[in-house]
Amino acid sequence: MWRHLGPGIVVAATGVGAGDLVATLIAGSRFGYALLWAAVAGCIVKIALSEGSARYHLATGSTILAGWRSLGRWTGWYFGIYVVIWGFIYGATAMSATALPLTALFPALSLRSWAMIAGVFGFVFVWFNRYDTFETVMKILVGTMFVIMVGLAILVAPGLPDLARGMAFSLPEGSLFYTLGLIGGVGGTITTAAYGYWTQAKGWRGTPWLPMMRVDNAVAYVVTGIFVVAMLIVGAELLHSAGIALEDSDRGLLGLSDVLEARFGRLVAALFLVGFAATSVSSLLGVWQGMSLFFSDWWYQLRGRDEAEGGREGSTAYRVYLGWLTFPPMILLFADRPFLLVIVYGAFGALFMPFLAITLLLLNNSDRLPAAARNGAVANVTLAGSAVLFVILAVQQVVQLAG
């Protein structure tokens, strides 16, 4: 069983990016350990979403996109419009996030140059490698970021009683929407739905693989939970206690590097930047590979081709979307304030997670799945709660963007 673990590590590593590091650090710096329970709840929500998506793949022998199509043609168009806009904006975001630690470690090149190098590296790697190699590299990156970030949490010496109190439900003043964002954002968004494609790429087929998938998914998000808790500890111990505020963006991680250098020396700061780079690179590679599989499946189903042709590595549609993630977004690296694109991206991004949670409720309680593979009470409660959470977050996002 341990030998088979892999797709869960991939989806968890893809979902935890620089934005999650910043959100968790800021939560720790502002509220100490008070929102520790929210970070753990976020992992539980993502376990339910990714497990539900992969269960549909394994139990039906089809894909989640085929399931959406059975709910109406509008779902295919919804996903298609979303994934094209999302890919264009996220491509630039991922390249920039990866470039930040690389620029800090190797300042001879500019941020823009490192961003382009990161994008081209992802493009070449995914173009010429198949899932087995991709999974191996992702495991190495996860191991690197896990050891460094957890080691950093141990270095700042957390107080165990404080950690225990952080698991008690509490909402400090002014923390409500920040808490909801922490629950909704930790561990990935659309990439949770790509888990089923990675289980298929791994060679898992049919309901006999369901127990293995559940163990794989749970192990991955336990690792994610420990990683996220470690970052919250760093924020609480290193920043909250000293009253240090970080910039609420990816650049805030560079601010943490400066704090670490001042307190522990250049070596620790450099190791943190290596962990930051591993986190960003794993997200970039995961999206480049997983979302290209997703797009490939959508494209071939849209054209009425055999479902077996969709979601394949190396297909024409797979490589077209891989290029779409890499090269057109480089335009945004030259734009200072692409307001319109940010607004459109935010609107579509906020509306996808409720779509995923609600459609999983509909699909996984239907007769499309064998009775033994349908949602149980725990899955239904978790998915329903997730749907309510994501609807609230979507309304909040739209209101903020309108403002």
Protein backbone atom coordinates (compact mmCIF):
# COMPACT_ATOMS: atom_id res chain seq x y z
CA MET A 1 0.00 0.00 0.00
CA TRP A 2 2.77 2.46 0.87
CA ARG A 3 4.41 1.70 -2.46
CA HIS A 4 1.26 2.75 -4.31
CA LEU A 5 0.90 6.14 -2.60
CA GLY A 6 1.36 9.05 -4.98
CA PRO A 7 -1.61 10.81 -6.61
CA GLY A 8 -2.71 12.25 -3.27
CA ILE A 9 0.75 13.68 -2.66
CA VAL A 10 0.57 15.24 -6.13
CA VAL A 11 -2.83 16.90 -5.58
CA ALA A 12 -1.89 18.14 -2.11
CA ALA A 13 1.45 19.54 -3.31
CA THR A 14 -0.26 21.25 -6.22
CA GLY A 15 -2.87 22.80 -3.96
CA VAL A 16 -0.47 24.22 -1.38
CA GLY A 17 1.23 27.18 -3.00
CA ALA A 18 2.76 30.48 -2.01
CA GLY A 19 -0.70 31.96 -1.43
CA ASP A 20 -1.48 29.30 1.19
CA LEU A 21 1.84 29.95 2.93
CA VAL A 22 1.06 33.65 3.12
CA ALA A 23 -2.53 33.15 4.28
CA THR A 24 -1.46 30.80 7.05
CA LEU A 25 1.44 32.99 8.13
CA ILE A 26 -0.79 36.07 8.25
CA ALA A 27 -3.38 34.13 10.27
CA GLY A 28 -0.71 33.19 12.78
CA SER A 29 0.78 36.69 12.91
CA ARG A 30 -2.60 38.39 13.46
CA PHE A 31 -4.46 35.92 15.66
CA GLY A 32 -1.78 33.65 17.14
CA TYR A 33 -3.06 30.08 17.43
CA ALA A 34 -6.75 31.08 17.54
CA LEU A 35 -7.41 29.94 13.94
CA LEU A 36 -5.47 26.66 14.10
CA TRP A 37 -8.77 24.76 13.98
CA ALA A 38 -9.69 26.56 10.74
CA ALA A 39 -6.50 25.37 9.01
CA VAL A 40 -7.27 21.79 10.04
CA ALA A 41 -10.90 22.18 8.89
CA GLY A 42 -9.63 23.38 5.52
CA CYS A 43 -7.74 20.12 5.05
CA ILE A 44 -10.84 18.09 5.95
CA VAL A 45 -12.90 20.00 3.37
CA LYS A 46 -10.33 19.30 0.66
CA ILE A 47 -10.18 15.61 1.60
CA ALA A 48 -13.92 15.41 0.93
CA LEU A 49 -13.72 17.27 -2.39
CA SER A 50 -10.76 15.39 -3.83
CA GLU A 51 -12.05 12.03 -2.56
CA GLY A 52 -15.47 12.66 -4.10
CA SER A 53 -13.93 13.56 -7.46
CA ALA A 54 -11.62 10.53 -7.54
CA ARG A 55 -14.41 8.21 -6.35
CA TYR A 56 -16.51 9.22 -9.34
CA HIS A 57 -13.62 8.40 -11.69
CA LEU A 58 -12.94 5.00 -10.15
CA ALA A 59 -16.55 3.91 -9.64
CA THR A 60 -17.80 4.88 -13.10
CA GLY A 61 -14.68 4.32 -15.22
CA SER A 62 -15.41 7.75 -16.67
CA THR A 63 -14.33 11.25 -15.61
CA ILE A 64 -15.80 14.06 -13.54
CA LEU A 65 -16.26 16.08 -16.72
CA ALA A 66 -18.41 13.33 -18.21
CA GLY A 67 -20.44 13.46 -15.02
CA TRP A 68 -20.89 17.21 -15.31
CA ARG A 69 -21.96 16.79 -18.92
CA SER A 70 -24.72 14.42 -17.78
CA LEU A 71 -26.13 17.29 -15.68
CA GLY A 72 -26.53 19.48 -18.76
CA ARG A 73 -24.49 20.96 -21.60
CA TRP A 74 -24.16 24.24 -19.68
CA THR A 75 -21.70 22.58 -17.27
CA GLY A 76 -19.25 21.94 -20.10
CA TRP A 77 -19.40 25.52 -21.29
CA TYR A 78 -19.12 26.80 -17.75
CA PHE A 79 -15.97 24.77 -17.16
CA GLY A 80 -14.50 25.62 -20.57
CA ILE A 81 -14.86 29.39 -20.14
CA TYR A 82 -13.57 29.16 -16.60
CA VAL A 83 -10.52 27.03 -17.36
CA VAL A 84 -9.38 29.25 -20.24
CA ILE A 85 -9.59 32.47 -18.19
CA TRP A 86 -8.21 30.81 -15.06
CA GLY A 87 -5.26 29.33 -16.94
CA PHE A 88 -4.28 32.68 -18.44
CA ILE A 89 -4.23 34.48 -15.09
CA TYR A 90 -2.88 31.60 -13.02
CA GLY A 91 -0.02 31.03 -15.44
CA ALA A 92 1.36 34.49 -14.68
CA THR A 93 0.66 34.11 -10.95
CA ALA A 94 2.47 30.77 -10.70
CA MET A 95 5.48 31.98 -12.65
CA SER A 96 5.77 35.12 -10.51
CA ALA A 97 5.41 33.18 -7.25
CA THR A 98 8.15 30.76 -8.32
CA ALA A 99 10.41 33.62 -9.36
CA LEU A 100 10.25 35.37 -5.96
CA PRO A 101 12.47 32.94 -3.97
CA LEU A 102 14.71 32.31 -6.99
CA THR A 103 15.33 36.04 -7.36
CA ALA A 104 16.13 36.31 -3.65
CA LEU A 105 18.56 33.39 -3.85
CA PHE A 106 20.10 34.34 -7.21
CA PRO A 107 19.66 38.10 -7.72
CA ALA A 108 21.78 38.24 -10.88
CA LEU A 109 18.58 37.79 -12.93
CA SER A 110 15.45 39.91 -12.64
CA LEU A 111 12.11 38.70 -11.27
CA ARG A 112 10.63 38.74 -14.78
CA SER A 113 13.50 36.66 -16.16
CA TRP A 114 13.16 34.04 -13.42
CA ALA A 115 9.39 33.95 -13.95
CA MET A 116 9.84 33.19 -17.64
CA ILE A 117 12.50 30.57 -16.90
CA ALA A 118 10.13 28.91 -14.40
CA GLY A 119 7.30 28.82 -16.94
CA VAL A 120 9.48 27.39 -19.72
CA PHE A 121 10.94 24.82 -17.31
CA GLY A 122 7.44 23.64 -16.43
CA PHE A 123 6.48 23.51 -20.10
CA VAL A 124 9.52 21.45 -21.14
CA PHE A 125 9.34 19.12 -18.14
CA VAL A 126 5.65 18.30 -18.60
CA TRP A 127 5.95 18.04 -22.40
CA PHE A 128 8.70 15.39 -22.29
CA ASN A 129 7.84 13.44 -19.12
CA ARG A 130 4.99 11.12 -18.23
CA TYR A 131 3.16 10.65 -14.96
CA ASP A 132 5.67 8.31 -13.26
CA THR A 133 8.54 10.79 -13.56
CA PHE A 134 6.24 13.67 -12.70
CA GLU A 135 5.08 11.93 -9.49
CA THR A 136 8.66 11.16 -8.43
CA VAL A 137 9.73 14.78 -8.81
CA MET A 138 6.64 15.97 -6.93
CA LYS A 139 7.45 13.64 -4.04
CA ILE A 140 10.99 15.06 -3.86
CA LEU A 141 9.62 18.62 -3.80
CA VAL A 142 7.07 17.70 -1.10
CA GLY A 143 9.78 16.10 1.00
CA THR A 144 11.96 19.19 0.67
CA MET A 145 9.26 21.69 1.62
CA PHE A 146 7.93 19.47 4.42
CA VAL A 147 11.30 18.94 6.11
CA ILE A 148 12.25 22.62 5.88
CA MET A 149 8.93 24.09 7.02
CA VAL A 150 8.35 21.61 9.84
CA GLY A 151 11.97 22.03 10.92
CA LEU A 152 11.41 25.78 11.00
CA ALA A 153 8.35 25.31 13.23
CA ILE A 154 10.41 23.19 15.62
CA LEU A 155 13.15 25.83 15.59
CA VAL A 156 10.82 28.56 16.82
CA ALA A 157 9.72 26.29 19.69
CA PRO A 158 5.91 26.24 19.83
CA GLY A 159 4.08 25.97 23.13
CA LEU A 160 2.01 22.76 23.25
CA PRO A 161 -0.70 24.24 25.52
CA ASP A 162 -1.14 27.08 23.01
CA LEU A 163 -1.49 24.55 20.20
CA ALA A 164 -4.16 22.67 22.13
CA ARG A 165 -6.11 25.87 22.78
CA GLY A 166 -5.92 26.68 19.08
CA MET A 167 -8.00 23.59 18.29
CA ALA A 168 -10.92 24.99 20.30
CA PHE A 169 -13.43 26.78 18.10
CA SER A 170 -13.04 30.55 18.44
CA LEU A 171 -13.50 33.61 16.24
CA PRO A 172 -11.41 36.60 17.31
CA GLU A 173 -12.85 39.98 16.45
CA GLY A 174 -12.45 40.77 12.76
CA SER A 175 -11.52 37.21 11.82
CA LEU A 176 -14.77 35.81 10.35
CA PHE A 177 -14.17 36.17 6.63
CA TYR A 178 -10.45 35.56 7.09
CA THR A 179 -11.36 32.28 8.79
CA LEU A 180 -13.68 31.26 5.97
CA GLY A 181 -10.95 32.07 3.45
CA LEU A 182 -8.46 29.96 5.39
CA ILE A 183 -10.86 27.00 5.40
CA GLY A 184 -11.73 27.44 1.74
CA GLY A 185 -8.25 28.11 0.41
CA VAL A 186 -5.88 25.70 2.16
CA GLY A 187 -4.91 22.77 -0.02
CA GLY A 188 -6.13 23.81 -3.44
CA THR A 189 -9.22 24.90 -5.35
CA ILE A 190 -9.88 23.59 -8.87
CA THR A 191 -6.88 21.26 -8.60
CA THR A 192 -8.78 19.10 -6.09
CA ALA A 193 -10.99 18.02 -9.01
CA ALA A 194 -7.88 16.91 -10.94
CA TYR A 195 -7.20 14.15 -8.40
CA GLY A 196 -9.30 11.65 -10.36
CA TYR A 197 -7.19 12.20 -13.47
CA TRP A 198 -4.01 11.49 -11.54
CA THR A 199 -5.47 8.27 -10.10
CA GLN A 200 -6.22 7.17 -13.66
CA ALA A 201 -2.73 8.15 -14.81
CA LYS A 202 -1.41 6.01 -11.93
CA GLY A 203 -3.29 3.05 -13.41
CA TRP A 204 -6.04 2.77 -10.82
CA ARG A 205 -9.27 1.49 -12.35
CA GLY A 206 -12.52 0.34 -10.76
CA THR A 207 -14.01 0.18 -7.27
CA PRO A 208 -11.37 -2.26 -5.90
CA TRP A 209 -9.02 0.76 -5.83
CA LEU A 210 -11.35 2.85 -3.64
CA PRO A 211 -9.73 1.81 -0.30
CA MET A 212 -6.28 2.56 -1.71
CA MET A 213 -7.45 5.93 -3.01
CA ARG A 214 -8.91 6.87 0.37
CA VAL A 215 -5.70 6.00 2.20
CA ASP A 216 -3.64 7.87 -0.40
CA ASN A 217 -5.88 10.95 -0.12
CA ALA A 218 -5.95 10.92 3.67
CA VAL A 219 -2.17 10.51 3.99
CA ALA A 220 -1.60 13.37 1.57
CA TYR A 221 -3.82 15.78 3.46
CA VAL A 222 -2.43 14.73 6.84
CA VAL A 223 0.96 15.78 5.45
CA THR A 224 -0.66 18.99 4.19
CA GLY A 225 -2.24 19.59 7.60
CA ILE A 226 1.09 19.21 9.38
CA PHE A 227 2.71 21.53 6.85
CA VAL A 228 0.00 24.19 7.28
CA VAL A 229 0.10 23.93 11.08
CA ALA A 230 3.88 24.37 10.91
CA MET A 231 3.46 27.62 8.98
CA LEU A 232 0.84 28.87 11.42
CA ILE A 233 3.25 28.12 14.28
CA VAL A 234 5.93 30.17 12.55
CA GLY A 235 3.49 33.05 12.14
CA ALA A 236 2.33 32.86 15.75
CA GLU A 237 5.71 32.40 17.43
CA LEU A 238 7.91 34.50 15.19
CA LEU A 239 5.58 37.28 14.08
CA HIS A 240 2.59 37.53 16.43
CA SER A 241 4.67 37.58 19.59
CA ALA A 242 6.97 40.27 18.14
CA GLY A 243 4.18 42.33 16.58
CA ILE A 244 5.68 42.00 13.09
CA ALA A 245 3.34 42.49 10.12
CA LEU A 246 4.01 40.95 6.72
CA GLU A 247 2.75 42.13 3.35
CA ASP A 248 -0.46 40.27 2.52
CA SER A 249 0.83 38.91 -0.80
CA ASP A 250 3.45 36.46 -2.02
CA ARG A 251 6.10 39.09 -1.29
CA GLY A 252 5.30 38.69 2.39
CA LEU A 253 7.33 35.48 2.28
CA LEU A 254 10.40 37.51 1.40
CA GLY A 255 9.65 39.62 4.47
CA LEU A 256 9.66 36.45 6.57
CA SER A 257 13.02 35.56 5.07
CA ASP A 258 14.40 38.88 6.35
CA VAL A 259 12.97 38.19 9.83
CA LEU A 260 14.54 34.72 9.87
CA GLU A 261 17.91 36.07 8.78
CA ALA A 262 17.89 38.67 11.54
CA ARG A 263 17.02 36.10 14.20
CA PHE A 264 18.70 32.86 13.07
CA GLY A 265 21.24 33.84 10.43
CA ARG A 266 21.61 33.65 6.66
CA LEU A 267 21.65 29.84 6.45
CA VAL A 268 18.18 29.44 7.97
CA ALA A 269 16.84 32.24 5.77
CA ALA A 270 18.32 30.56 2.67
CA LEU A 271 16.82 27.20 3.64
CA PHE A 272 13.43 28.85 4.01
CA LEU A 273 13.76 30.30 0.51
CA VAL A 274 14.58 26.80 -0.79
CA GLY A 275 11.40 25.51 0.88
CA PHE A 276 9.45 28.43 -0.58
CA ALA A 277 10.84 27.61 -4.03
CA ALA A 278 9.96 23.90 -3.66
CA THR A 279 6.40 24.86 -2.68
CA SER A 280 5.98 27.17 -5.68
CA VAL A 281 7.59 24.81 -8.20
CA SER A 282 5.41 21.90 -7.07
CA SER A 283 2.28 24.01 -7.58
CA LEU A 284 3.46 25.14 -11.00
CA LEU A 285 4.30 21.63 -12.21
CA GLY A 286 1.09 20.21 -10.77
CA VAL A 287 -1.08 22.76 -12.55
CA TRP A 288 0.85 22.50 -15.81
CA GLN A 289 0.36 18.72 -15.82
CA GLY A 290 -3.01 18.19 -14.11
CA MET A 291 -4.96 21.03 -15.69
CA SER A 292 -3.67 20.06 -19.12
CA LEU A 293 -5.19 16.61 -18.53
CA PHE A 294 -8.41 18.29 -17.42
CA PHE A 295 -8.53 20.52 -20.50
CA SER A 296 -7.77 17.61 -22.81
CA ASP A 297 -10.73 15.68 -21.44
CA TRP A 298 -13.02 18.70 -21.84
CA TRP A 299 -11.90 19.35 -25.42
CA TYR A 300 -12.40 15.82 -26.69
CA GLN A 301 -15.77 15.47 -24.98
CA LEU A 302 -16.86 18.81 -26.45
CA ARG A 303 -16.04 17.47 -29.91
CA GLY A 304 -17.95 14.24 -29.26
CA ARG A 305 -14.87 12.04 -29.40
CA ASP A 306 -14.48 8.80 -27.45
CA GLU A 307 -14.08 9.56 -23.75
CA ALA A 308 -10.97 7.38 -23.68
CA GLU A 309 -9.22 9.99 -25.80
CA GLY A 310 -9.74 12.69 -23.16
CA GLY A 311 -7.46 13.25 -20.21
CA ARG A 312 -4.46 11.70 -21.96
CA GLU A 313 -0.89 12.87 -21.55
CA GLY A 314 0.68 13.96 -24.81
CA SER A 315 -2.56 14.51 -26.72
CA THR A 316 -2.80 17.57 -28.96
CA ALA A 317 -5.28 19.31 -26.65
CA TYR A 318 -3.06 18.50 -23.65
CA ARG A 319 -0.09 20.21 -25.26
CA VAL A 320 -2.12 23.17 -26.50
CA TYR A 321 -3.30 23.96 -22.97
CA LEU A 322 0.22 23.42 -21.66
CA GLY A 323 1.35 26.14 -24.05
CA TRP A 324 -1.61 28.33 -23.06
CA LEU A 325 -0.52 28.17 -19.40
CA THR A 326 3.05 29.09 -20.29
CA PHE A 327 3.39 31.63 -23.06
CA PRO A 328 0.37 33.98 -23.32
CA PRO A 329 0.47 34.73 -19.54
CA MET A 330 3.99 36.11 -19.97
CA ILE A 331 2.27 39.22 -21.34
CA LEU A 332 1.00 39.90 -17.83
CA LEU A 333 4.56 39.87 -16.51
CA PHE A 334 5.04 43.13 -18.41
CA ALA A 335 1.77 44.71 -17.20
CA ASP A 336 1.82 46.63 -13.94
CA ARG A 337 -1.90 46.53 -13.10
CA PRO A 338 -4.09 44.22 -15.21
CA PHE A 339 -7.26 45.25 -13.32
CA LEU A 340 -9.84 43.89 -15.74
CA LEU A 341 -8.29 40.42 -15.91
CA VAL A 342 -7.98 40.26 -12.14
CA ILE A 343 -11.67 41.12 -11.77
CA VAL A 344 -12.79 38.48 -14.29
CA TYR A 345 -10.46 35.87 -12.77
CA GLY A 346 -11.70 36.61 -9.27
CA ALA A 347 -15.34 36.31 -10.30
CA PHE A 348 -14.89 32.96 -12.06
CA GLY A 349 -12.55 31.66 -9.38
CA ALA A 350 -15.01 32.41 -6.59
CA LEU A 351 -17.82 30.65 -8.44
CA PHE A 352 -16.03 27.38 -9.20
CA MET A 353 -15.77 25.80 -5.73
CA PRO A 354 -19.54 25.96 -5.00
CA PHE A 355 -20.04 24.40 -8.44
CA LEU A 356 -17.67 21.55 -7.56
CA ALA A 357 -19.21 20.85 -4.14
CA ILE A 358 -22.81 20.97 -5.38
CA THR A 359 -22.18 18.82 -8.46
CA LEU A 360 -20.37 16.21 -6.34
CA LEU A 361 -23.45 16.04 -4.12
CA LEU A 362 -25.64 15.48 -7.17
CA LEU A 363 -23.38 13.01 -8.97
CA ASN A 364 -22.19 10.90 -6.07
CA ASN A 365 -25.71 10.33 -4.71
CA SER A 366 -27.04 9.24 -8.10
CA ASP A 367 -27.45 5.82 -9.70
CA ARG A 368 -24.48 6.60 -11.95
CA LEU A 369 -22.38 5.06 -9.16
CA PRO A 370 -22.75 1.56 -7.71
CA ALA A 371 -24.63 1.68 -4.40
CA ALA A 372 -21.50 0.83 -2.41
CA ALA A 373 -19.59 3.78 -3.93
CA ARG A 374 -22.20 6.48 -3.31
CA ASN A 375 -21.91 9.18 -0.66
CA GLY A 376 -22.38 8.21 2.94
CA ALA A 377 -23.76 10.49 5.63
CA VAL A 378 -20.34 11.93 6.52
CA ALA A 379 -19.52 12.73 2.89
CA ASN A 380 -22.90 14.38 2.35
CA VAL A 381 -22.64 16.53 5.47
CA THR A 382 -19.07 17.58 4.62
CA LEU A 383 -19.89 18.40 0.99
CA ALA A 384 -23.06 20.26 1.94
CA GLY A 385 -21.16 22.30 4.52
CA SER A 386 -18.46 22.97 1.93
CA ALA A 387 -21.06 24.16 -0.57
CA VAL A 388 -22.50 26.64 1.96
CA LEU A 389 -19.01 27.85 2.86
CA PHE A 390 -18.01 28.39 -0.77
CA VAL A 391 -21.24 30.20 -1.60
CA ILE A 392 -20.55 32.64 1.25
CA LEU A 393 -16.97 33.09 0.04
CA ALA A 394 -18.19 33.65 -3.53
CA VAL A 395 -20.58 36.38 -2.41
CA GLN A 396 -17.82 37.99 -0.36
CA GLN A 397 -15.43 37.87 -3.32
CA VAL A 398 -17.91 39.37 -5.74
CA VAL A 399 -18.79 42.17 -3.28
CA GLN A 400 -15.12 42.98 -2.76
CA LEU A 401 -14.43 43.00 -6.50
CA ALA A 402 -17.43 45.23 -7.15
CA GLY A 403 -16.15 47.61 -4.49
